[in-house]
């Protein structure tokens, strides 16, 4: 990844002027398809997400924790001889595993982005 200062001025001049670009009307409403609001806003406009980034991360951690607890309950019910199908317990374990792996990967990407920002020279 190269810093922005490494871009030659001629390359920056070749970029289109964002104010001169007009969006084309979408044919989707004519077909009865509604697009989500965040996709219809132009790039660079602030979006109301309804929550902060930290609340989104804490919700993700809570969801992973809930899935792991449900998986542990399914496995313990299976081990105690309750009427729990084996495939349901295995599916629950795999869902918890995949969600945990996703959470770890998101954390790794965030840490990489933070480290990249900290290496930038201002």
C-alpha atoms as a PDB file:
ATOM      1  CA  UNK A   1       0.000   0.000   0.000  1.00  0.00           C
ATOM      2  CA  UNK A   2       1.504   3.311  -1.053  1.00  0.00           C
ATOM      3  CA  UNK A   3       0.910   6.576   0.763  1.00  0.00           C
ATOM      4  CA  UNK A   4      -1.274   9.182  -0.879  1.00  0.00           C
ATOM      5  CA  UNK A   5       1.683  11.526  -1.230  1.00  0.00           C
ATOM      6  CA  UNK A   6       3.279   8.997  -3.609  1.00  0.00           C
ATOM      7  CA  UNK A   7       0.563   9.575  -6.214  1.00  0.00           C
ATOM      8  CA  UNK A   8       1.908  11.883  -8.908  1.00  0.00           C
ATOM      9  CA  UNK A   9      -0.066  15.104  -9.438  1.00  0.00           C
ATOM     10  CA  UNK A  10      -0.864  14.107 -13.031  1.00  0.00           C
ATOM     11  CA  UNK A  11      -2.658  10.987 -11.807  1.00  0.00           C
ATOM     12  CA  UNK A  12      -4.725  13.021  -9.371  1.00  0.00           C
ATOM     13  CA  UNK A  13      -5.723  15.406 -12.171  1.00  0.00           C
ATOM     14  CA  UNK A  14      -6.918  12.469 -14.266  1.00  0.00           C
ATOM     15  CA  UNK A  15      -9.527  11.517 -11.672  1.00  0.00           C
ATOM     16  CA  UNK A  16     -13.068  12.598 -12.564  1.00  0.00           C
ATOM     17  CA  UNK A  17     -14.529  15.537 -10.715  1.00  0.00           C
ATOM     18  CA  UNK A  18     -17.030  14.069  -8.256  1.00  0.00           C
ATOM     19  CA  UNK A  19     -19.306  17.101  -8.525  1.00  0.00           C
ATOM     20  CA  UNK A  20     -19.580  16.626 -12.297  1.00  0.00           C
ATOM     21  CA  UNK A  21     -20.718  13.006 -11.990  1.00  0.00           C
ATOM     22  CA  UNK A  22     -24.484  12.632 -11.962  1.00  0.00           C
ATOM     23  CA  UNK A  23     -25.999   9.318 -10.907  1.00  0.00           C
ATOM     24  CA  UNK A  24     -28.050   7.433 -13.449  1.00  0.00           C
ATOM     25  CA  UNK A  25     -31.619   6.634 -12.477  1.00  0.00           C
ATOM     26  CA  UNK A  26     -32.010   3.034 -11.389  1.00  0.00           C
ATOM     27  CA  UNK A  27     -34.412   0.775 -13.340  1.00  0.00           C
ATOM     28  CA  UNK A  28     -35.136  -1.242 -10.190  1.00  0.00           C
ATOM     29  CA  UNK A  29     -38.048   0.886  -8.852  1.00  0.00           C
ATOM     30  CA  UNK A  30     -39.831   0.477 -12.186  1.00  0.00           C
ATOM     31  CA  UNK A  31     -39.644  -3.294 -11.671  1.00  0.00           C
ATOM     32  CA  UNK A  32     -41.034  -3.014  -8.131  1.00  0.00           C
ATOM     33  CA  UNK A  33     -37.714  -3.696  -6.377  1.00  0.00           C
ATOM     34  CA  UNK A  34     -36.854  -1.475  -3.440  1.00  0.00           C
ATOM     35  CA  UNK A  35     -33.176  -0.917  -2.643  1.00  0.00           C
ATOM     36  CA  UNK A  36     -31.984  -0.402   0.935  1.00  0.00           C
ATOM     37  CA  UNK A  37     -31.547   3.249   1.900  1.00  0.00           C
ATOM     38  CA  UNK A  38     -27.803   2.941   2.524  1.00  0.00           C
ATOM     39  CA  UNK A  39     -27.295   1.832  -1.091  1.00  0.00           C
ATOM     40  CA  UNK A  40     -29.267   4.731  -2.565  1.00  0.00           C
ATOM     41  CA  UNK A  41     -27.226   7.470  -0.850  1.00  0.00           C
ATOM     42  CA  UNK A  42     -24.279   8.940  -2.758  1.00  0.00           C
ATOM     43  CA  UNK A  43     -20.817   7.985  -1.586  1.00  0.00           C
ATOM     44  CA  UNK A  44     -19.336  10.215   1.046  1.00  0.00           C
ATOM     45  CA  UNK A  45     -22.638  11.174   2.679  1.00  0.00           C
ATOM     46  CA  UNK A  46     -23.005  10.291   6.345  1.00  0.00           C
ATOM     47  CA  UNK A  47     -25.355   7.436   7.054  1.00  0.00           C
ATOM     48  CA  UNK A  48     -27.458   7.092  10.155  1.00  0.00           C
ATOM     49  CA  UNK A  49     -26.552   3.640  11.407  1.00  0.00           C
ATOM     50  CA  UNK A  50     -28.548   3.854  14.598  1.00  0.00           C
ATOM     51  CA  UNK A  51     -25.578   2.943  16.782  1.00  0.00           C
ATOM     52  CA  UNK A  52     -21.912   3.391  17.307  1.00  0.00           C
ATOM     53  CA  UNK A  53     -19.113   1.158  16.150  1.00  0.00           C
ATOM     54  CA  UNK A  54     -18.400   0.012  19.697  1.00  0.00           C
ATOM     55  CA  UNK A  55     -22.031  -0.994  20.225  1.00  0.00           C
ATOM     56  CA  UNK A  56     -21.908  -2.994  16.989  1.00  0.00           C
ATOM     57  CA  UNK A  57     -18.779  -4.817  18.185  1.00  0.00           C
ATOM     58  CA  UNK A  58     -20.239  -5.508  21.621  1.00  0.00           C
ATOM     59  CA  UNK A  59     -23.410  -6.854  19.977  1.00  0.00           C
ATOM     60  CA  UNK A  60     -21.250  -9.148  17.829  1.00  0.00           C
ATOM     61  CA  UNK A  61     -19.422 -10.455  20.899  1.00  0.00           C
ATOM     62  CA  UNK A  62     -22.742 -10.996  22.704  1.00  0.00           C
ATOM     63  CA  UNK A  63     -24.127 -12.935  19.720  1.00  0.00           C
ATOM     64  CA  UNK A  64     -21.057 -15.180  19.617  1.00  0.00           C
ATOM     65  CA  UNK A  65     -21.311 -15.769  23.355  1.00  0.00           C
ATOM     66  CA  UNK A  66     -24.993 -16.665  23.043  1.00  0.00           C
ATOM     67  CA  UNK A  67     -24.275 -19.136  20.248  1.00  0.00           C
ATOM     68  CA  UNK A  68     -21.505 -20.770  22.251  1.00  0.00           C
ATOM     69  CA  UNK A  69     -23.780 -21.114  25.300  1.00  0.00           C
ATOM     70  CA  UNK A  70     -26.528 -22.656  23.169  1.00  0.00           C
ATOM     71  CA  UNK A  71     -23.992 -25.063  21.681  1.00  0.00           C
ATOM     72  CA  UNK A  72     -22.746 -26.069  25.127  1.00  0.00           C
ATOM     73  CA  UNK A  73     -26.326 -26.661  26.287  1.00  0.00           C
ATOM     74  CA  UNK A  74     -27.079 -28.832  23.248  1.00  0.00           C
ATOM     75  CA  UNK A  75     -23.948 -30.919  23.818  1.00  0.00           C
ATOM     76  CA  UNK A  76     -24.619 -31.348  27.539  1.00  0.00           C
ATOM     77  CA  UNK A  77     -28.230 -32.323  26.807  1.00  0.00           C
ATOM     78  CA  UNK A  78     -26.984 -34.877  24.291  1.00  0.00           C
ATOM     79  CA  UNK A  79     -24.486 -36.278  26.794  1.00  0.00           C
ATOM     80  CA  UNK A  80     -27.085 -36.533  29.551  1.00  0.00           C
ATOM     81  CA  UNK A  81     -29.323 -38.649  27.326  1.00  0.00           C
ATOM     82  CA  UNK A  82     -32.063 -36.134  26.632  1.00  0.00           C
ATOM     83  CA  UNK A  83     -33.994 -36.324  23.383  1.00  0.00           C
ATOM     84  CA  UNK A  84     -31.645 -34.102  21.335  1.00  0.00           C
ATOM     85  CA  UNK A  85     -30.797 -35.212  17.785  1.00  0.00           C
ATOM     86  CA  UNK A  86     -27.091 -35.652  17.186  1.00  0.00           C
ATOM     87  CA  UNK A  87     -27.138 -33.596  13.999  1.00  0.00           C
ATOM     88  CA  UNK A  88     -28.708 -30.630  15.817  1.00  0.00           C
ATOM     89  CA  UNK A  89     -25.917 -30.669  18.409  1.00  0.00           C
ATOM     90  CA  UNK A  90     -23.233 -30.867  15.707  1.00  0.00           C
ATOM     91  CA  UNK A  91     -24.846 -28.063  13.688  1.00  0.00           C
ATOM     92  CA  UNK A  92     -25.019 -25.913  16.814  1.00  0.00           C
ATOM     93  CA  UNK A  93     -21.332 -26.560  17.521  1.00  0.00           C
ATOM     94  CA  UNK A  94     -20.333 -25.676  13.957  1.00  0.00           C
ATOM     95  CA  UNK A  95     -22.403 -22.474  13.975  1.00  0.00           C
ATOM     96  CA  UNK A  96     -20.690 -21.403  17.198  1.00  0.00           C
ATOM     97  CA  UNK A  97     -17.289 -22.300  15.752  1.00  0.00           C
ATOM     98  CA  UNK A  98     -17.841 -20.350  12.523  1.00  0.00           C
ATOM     99  CA  UNK A  99     -19.165 -17.288  14.350  1.00  0.00           C
ATOM    100  CA  UNK A 100     -16.162 -17.353  16.695  1.00  0.00           C
ATOM    101  CA  UNK A 101     -13.759 -17.623  13.750  1.00  0.00           C
ATOM    102  CA  UNK A 102     -15.495 -14.662  12.093  1.00  0.00           C
ATOM    103  CA  UNK A 103     -15.179 -12.607  15.263  1.00  0.00           C
ATOM    104  CA  UNK A 104     -11.461 -13.428  15.552  1.00  0.00           C
ATOM    105  CA  UNK A 105     -10.890 -12.518  11.897  1.00  0.00           C
ATOM    106  CA  UNK A 106     -12.691  -9.193  12.341  1.00  0.00           C
ATOM    107  CA  UNK A 107     -10.500  -8.497  15.369  1.00  0.00           C
ATOM    108  CA  UNK A 108      -7.373  -9.351  13.379  1.00  0.00           C
ATOM    109  CA  UNK A 109      -8.379  -7.043  10.539  1.00  0.00           C
ATOM    110  CA  UNK A 110      -9.131  -4.220  12.971  1.00  0.00           C
ATOM    111  CA  UNK A 111      -5.747  -4.669  14.638  1.00  0.00           C
ATOM    112  CA  UNK A 112      -4.007  -4.642  11.241  1.00  0.00           C
ATOM    113  CA  UNK A 113      -5.848  -1.443  10.284  1.00  0.00           C
ATOM    114  CA  UNK A 114      -4.939   0.183  13.612  1.00  0.00           C
ATOM    115  CA  UNK A 115      -1.289  -0.761  13.202  1.00  0.00           C
ATOM    116  CA  UNK A 116      -1.271   0.589   9.644  1.00  0.00           C
ATOM    117  CA  UNK A 117      -2.717   3.892  10.843  1.00  0.00           C
ATOM    118  CA  UNK A 118      -0.135   4.100  13.606  1.00  0.00           C
ATOM    119  CA  UNK A 119       2.675   3.586  11.057  1.00  0.00           C
ATOM    120  CA  UNK A 120       1.465   6.483   8.898  1.00  0.00           C
ATOM    121  CA  UNK A 121       3.574   9.610   8.957  1.00  0.00           C
ATOM    122  CA  UNK A 122       1.650  12.810   9.323  1.00  0.00           C
END
